[in-house]
């Protein structure tokens, strides 16, 4: 697989994730207080939001990179 097609496949995946979920998000658990038997934890949601226009552009760009044939010299 050529580097162009690999980058195209990565762009397609990024575009689909951006359109389906609006970005990549995760939950981070943090220990706030630790007093022997007493522990207090918090959960904080973090992530990277991607606008739909960027997702669409990545998807179309990836499809173009995958669809265009490689130039081969004879």
N, C-alpha and C. Protein backbone atom coordinates (compact mmCIF):
# COMPACT_ATOMS: atom_id res chain seq x y z
N UNK A 1 0.85 -1.18 0.00
CA UNK A 1 0.00 0.00 0.00
C UNK A 1 0.90 1.24 0.00
N UNK A 2 0.63 2.14 -0.91
CA UNK A 2 1.45 3.34 -1.04
C UNK A 2 1.16 4.32 0.10
N UNK A 3 2.09 5.21 0.38
CA UNK A 3 1.86 6.21 1.44
C UNK A 3 0.64 7.09 1.17
N UNK A 4 0.39 7.36 -0.11
CA UNK A 4 -0.78 8.17 -0.47
C UNK A 4 -2.07 7.48 -0.06
N UNK A 5 -2.16 6.21 -0.30
CA UNK A 5 -3.37 5.45 0.05
C UNK A 5 -3.48 5.28 1.57
N UNK A 6 -2.37 5.14 2.26
CA UNK A 6 -2.40 5.04 3.72
C UNK A 6 -2.92 6.34 4.33
N UNK A 7 -2.42 7.47 3.86
CA UNK A 7 -2.89 8.77 4.35
C UNK A 7 -4.37 8.95 4.01
N UNK A 8 -4.77 8.51 2.82
CA UNK A 8 -6.18 8.59 2.43
C UNK A 8 -7.07 7.77 3.36
N UNK A 9 -6.62 6.57 3.72
CA UNK A 9 -7.41 5.72 4.63
C UNK A 9 -7.51 6.36 6.02
N UNK A 10 -6.43 6.95 6.48
CA UNK A 10 -6.45 7.64 7.79
C UNK A 10 -7.40 8.83 7.75
N UNK A 11 -7.38 9.58 6.66
CA UNK A 11 -8.30 10.71 6.52
C UNK A 11 -9.76 10.26 6.49
N UNK A 12 -10.03 9.13 5.86
CA UNK A 12 -11.39 8.60 5.82
C UNK A 12 -11.86 8.25 7.23
N UNK A 13 -11.00 7.61 8.01
CA UNK A 13 -11.37 7.24 9.38
C UNK A 13 -11.60 8.49 10.22
N UNK A 14 -10.73 9.49 10.11
CA UNK A 14 -10.89 10.73 10.87
C UNK A 14 -12.19 11.44 10.47
N UNK A 15 -12.48 11.46 9.17
CA UNK A 15 -13.71 12.08 8.70
C UNK A 15 -14.95 11.39 9.22
N UNK A 16 -14.94 10.05 9.23
CA UNK A 16 -16.09 9.31 9.75
C UNK A 16 -16.28 9.53 11.24
N UNK A 17 -15.18 9.55 12.00
CA UNK A 17 -15.27 9.80 13.45
C UNK A 17 -15.81 11.20 13.71
N UNK A 18 -15.33 12.18 12.96
CA UNK A 18 -15.78 13.56 13.15
C UNK A 18 -17.26 13.71 12.82
N UNK A 19 -17.73 13.02 11.79
CA UNK A 19 -19.14 13.13 11.42
C UNK A 19 -20.04 12.31 12.34
N UNK A 20 -19.58 11.16 12.79
CA UNK A 20 -20.43 10.29 13.61
C UNK A 20 -20.52 10.76 15.06
N UNK A 21 -19.39 11.11 15.67
CA UNK A 21 -19.37 11.45 17.10
C UNK A 21 -19.05 12.91 17.38
N UNK A 22 -18.69 13.67 16.39
CA UNK A 22 -18.37 15.07 16.61
C UNK A 22 -16.98 15.28 17.19
N UNK A 23 -16.17 14.24 17.20
CA UNK A 23 -14.82 14.34 17.74
C UNK A 23 -14.46 13.10 18.52
N UNK A 24 -13.38 13.21 19.29
CA UNK A 24 -12.89 12.11 20.11
C UNK A 24 -12.96 12.56 21.57
N UNK A 25 -13.67 11.80 22.41
CA UNK A 25 -13.85 12.16 23.80
C UNK A 25 -13.50 10.99 24.70
N UNK A 26 -13.01 11.29 25.91
CA UNK A 26 -12.69 10.27 26.89
C UNK A 26 -12.95 10.81 28.29
N UNK A 27 -13.03 9.90 29.26
CA UNK A 27 -13.28 10.26 30.65
C UNK A 27 -12.02 10.00 31.45
N UNK A 28 -11.60 10.98 32.22
CA UNK A 28 -10.40 10.86 33.04
C UNK A 28 -10.81 10.82 34.51
N UNK A 29 -10.41 9.74 35.21
CA UNK A 29 -10.69 9.62 36.64
C UNK A 29 -9.53 10.22 37.43
N UNK A 30 -9.87 10.99 38.45
CA UNK A 30 -8.87 11.68 39.25
C UNK A 30 -9.16 11.47 40.73
N UNK A 31 -8.12 11.16 41.51
CA UNK A 31 -8.29 11.04 42.94
C UNK A 31 -8.09 12.43 43.56
N UNK A 32 -9.12 12.94 44.25
CA UNK A 32 -9.07 14.28 44.80
C UNK A 32 -8.59 14.24 46.25
N UNK A 33 -9.15 13.33 47.06
CA UNK A 33 -8.81 13.24 48.47
C UNK A 33 -8.48 11.79 48.80
N UNK A 34 -7.39 11.59 49.55
CA UNK A 34 -7.02 10.26 50.03
C UNK A 34 -6.65 10.38 51.50
N UNK A 35 -7.60 10.07 52.38
CA UNK A 35 -7.40 10.14 53.82
C UNK A 35 -7.57 8.75 54.42
N UNK A 36 -6.64 7.86 54.13
CA UNK A 36 -6.74 6.50 54.65
C UNK A 36 -7.87 5.75 53.99
N UNK A 37 -8.93 5.47 54.78
CA UNK A 37 -10.06 4.71 54.26
C UNK A 37 -10.99 5.57 53.41
N UNK A 38 -10.86 6.89 53.48
CA UNK A 38 -11.73 7.80 52.74
C UNK A 38 -11.02 8.26 51.46
N UNK A 39 -11.63 7.94 50.35
CA UNK A 39 -11.10 8.40 49.06
C UNK A 39 -12.22 9.07 48.29
N UNK A 40 -11.91 10.20 47.67
CA UNK A 40 -12.88 10.92 46.85
C UNK A 40 -12.32 11.00 45.43
N UNK A 41 -13.12 10.55 44.47
CA UNK A 41 -12.71 10.56 43.07
C UNK A 41 -13.65 11.45 42.28
N UNK A 42 -13.11 12.02 41.21
CA UNK A 42 -13.93 12.79 40.28
C UNK A 42 -13.72 12.23 38.87
N UNK A 43 -14.69 12.46 38.02
CA UNK A 43 -14.58 12.10 36.62
C UNK A 43 -14.67 13.37 35.79
N UNK A 44 -13.71 13.53 34.92
CA UNK A 44 -13.69 14.71 34.07
C UNK A 44 -13.70 14.26 32.61
N UNK A 45 -14.64 14.78 31.86
CA UNK A 45 -14.73 14.43 30.44
C UNK A 45 -13.87 15.38 29.63
N UNK A 46 -12.96 14.80 28.89
CA UNK A 46 -12.07 15.59 28.04
C UNK A 46 -12.21 15.10 26.61
N UNK A 47 -11.73 15.91 25.68
CA UNK A 47 -11.80 15.48 24.29
C UNK A 47 -11.43 16.56 23.32
N UNK A 48 -11.48 16.17 22.08
CA UNK A 48 -11.20 17.07 20.97
C UNK A 48 -12.44 17.11 20.08
N UNK A 49 -13.09 18.25 20.03
CA UNK A 49 -14.28 18.40 19.19
C UNK A 49 -13.85 18.78 17.77
N UNK A 50 -14.44 18.13 16.80
CA UNK A 50 -14.15 18.42 15.41
C UNK A 50 -15.43 18.88 14.72
N UNK A 51 -15.38 20.01 14.02
CA UNK A 51 -16.58 20.50 13.34
C UNK A 51 -16.96 19.59 12.17
N UNK A 52 -18.24 19.50 11.87
CA UNK A 52 -18.69 18.64 10.77
C UNK A 52 -18.07 19.00 9.42
N UNK A 53 -17.82 20.27 9.18
CA UNK A 53 -17.21 20.67 7.90
C UNK A 53 -15.81 20.08 7.76
N UNK A 54 -15.06 20.05 8.85
CA UNK A 54 -13.72 19.45 8.82
C UNK A 54 -13.81 17.94 8.59
N UNK A 55 -14.80 17.30 9.21
CA UNK A 55 -15.00 15.87 9.00
C UNK A 55 -15.35 15.56 7.56
N UNK A 56 -16.23 16.36 6.98
CA UNK A 56 -16.61 16.16 5.58
C UNK A 56 -15.42 16.38 4.65
N UNK A 57 -14.63 17.41 4.92
CA UNK A 57 -13.45 17.69 4.09
C UNK A 57 -12.43 16.55 4.19
N UNK A 58 -12.21 16.03 5.40
CA UNK A 58 -11.27 14.92 5.57
C UNK A 58 -11.78 13.67 4.85
N UNK A 59 -13.08 13.42 4.92
CA UNK A 59 -13.67 12.25 4.26
C UNK A 59 -13.52 12.34 2.75
N UNK A 60 -13.85 13.49 2.18
CA UNK A 60 -13.74 13.67 0.73
C UNK A 60 -12.28 13.61 0.29
N UNK A 61 -11.39 14.26 1.04
CA UNK A 61 -9.97 14.22 0.70
C UNK A 61 -9.40 12.81 0.75
N UNK A 62 -9.81 12.04 1.75
CA UNK A 62 -9.35 10.66 1.85
C UNK A 62 -9.85 9.80 0.70
N UNK A 63 -11.10 9.99 0.32
CA UNK A 63 -11.66 9.23 -0.80
C UNK A 63 -10.93 9.57 -2.09
N UNK A 64 -10.62 10.85 -2.28
CA UNK A 64 -9.88 11.27 -3.48
C UNK A 64 -8.50 10.63 -3.50
N UNK A 65 -7.79 10.63 -2.35
CA UNK A 65 -6.45 10.05 -2.31
C UNK A 65 -6.47 8.54 -2.57
N UNK A 66 -7.49 7.88 -2.08
CA UNK A 66 -7.57 6.43 -2.30
C UNK A 66 -8.00 6.11 -3.72
N UNK A 67 -8.87 6.93 -4.32
CA UNK A 67 -9.44 6.62 -5.63
C UNK A 67 -8.50 6.93 -6.80
N UNK A 68 -7.64 7.92 -6.64
CA UNK A 68 -6.74 8.30 -7.74
C UNK A 68 -5.67 7.22 -7.92
N UNK A 69 -5.53 6.71 -9.14
CA UNK A 69 -4.52 5.66 -9.36
C UNK A 69 -3.10 6.21 -9.26
N UNK A 70 -2.18 5.33 -8.88
CA UNK A 70 -0.77 5.72 -8.80
C UNK A 70 -0.20 5.87 -10.21
N UNK A 71 0.73 6.79 -10.36
CA UNK A 71 1.42 6.94 -11.63
C UNK A 71 2.55 5.93 -11.67
N UNK A 72 2.59 5.17 -12.71
CA UNK A 72 3.65 4.17 -12.85
C UNK A 72 4.44 4.50 -14.10
N UNK A 73 5.75 4.53 -13.92
CA UNK A 73 6.63 4.81 -15.08
C UNK A 73 7.00 3.50 -15.74
N UNK A 74 6.96 3.50 -17.04
CA UNK A 74 7.24 2.26 -17.79
C UNK A 74 8.69 2.03 -18.00
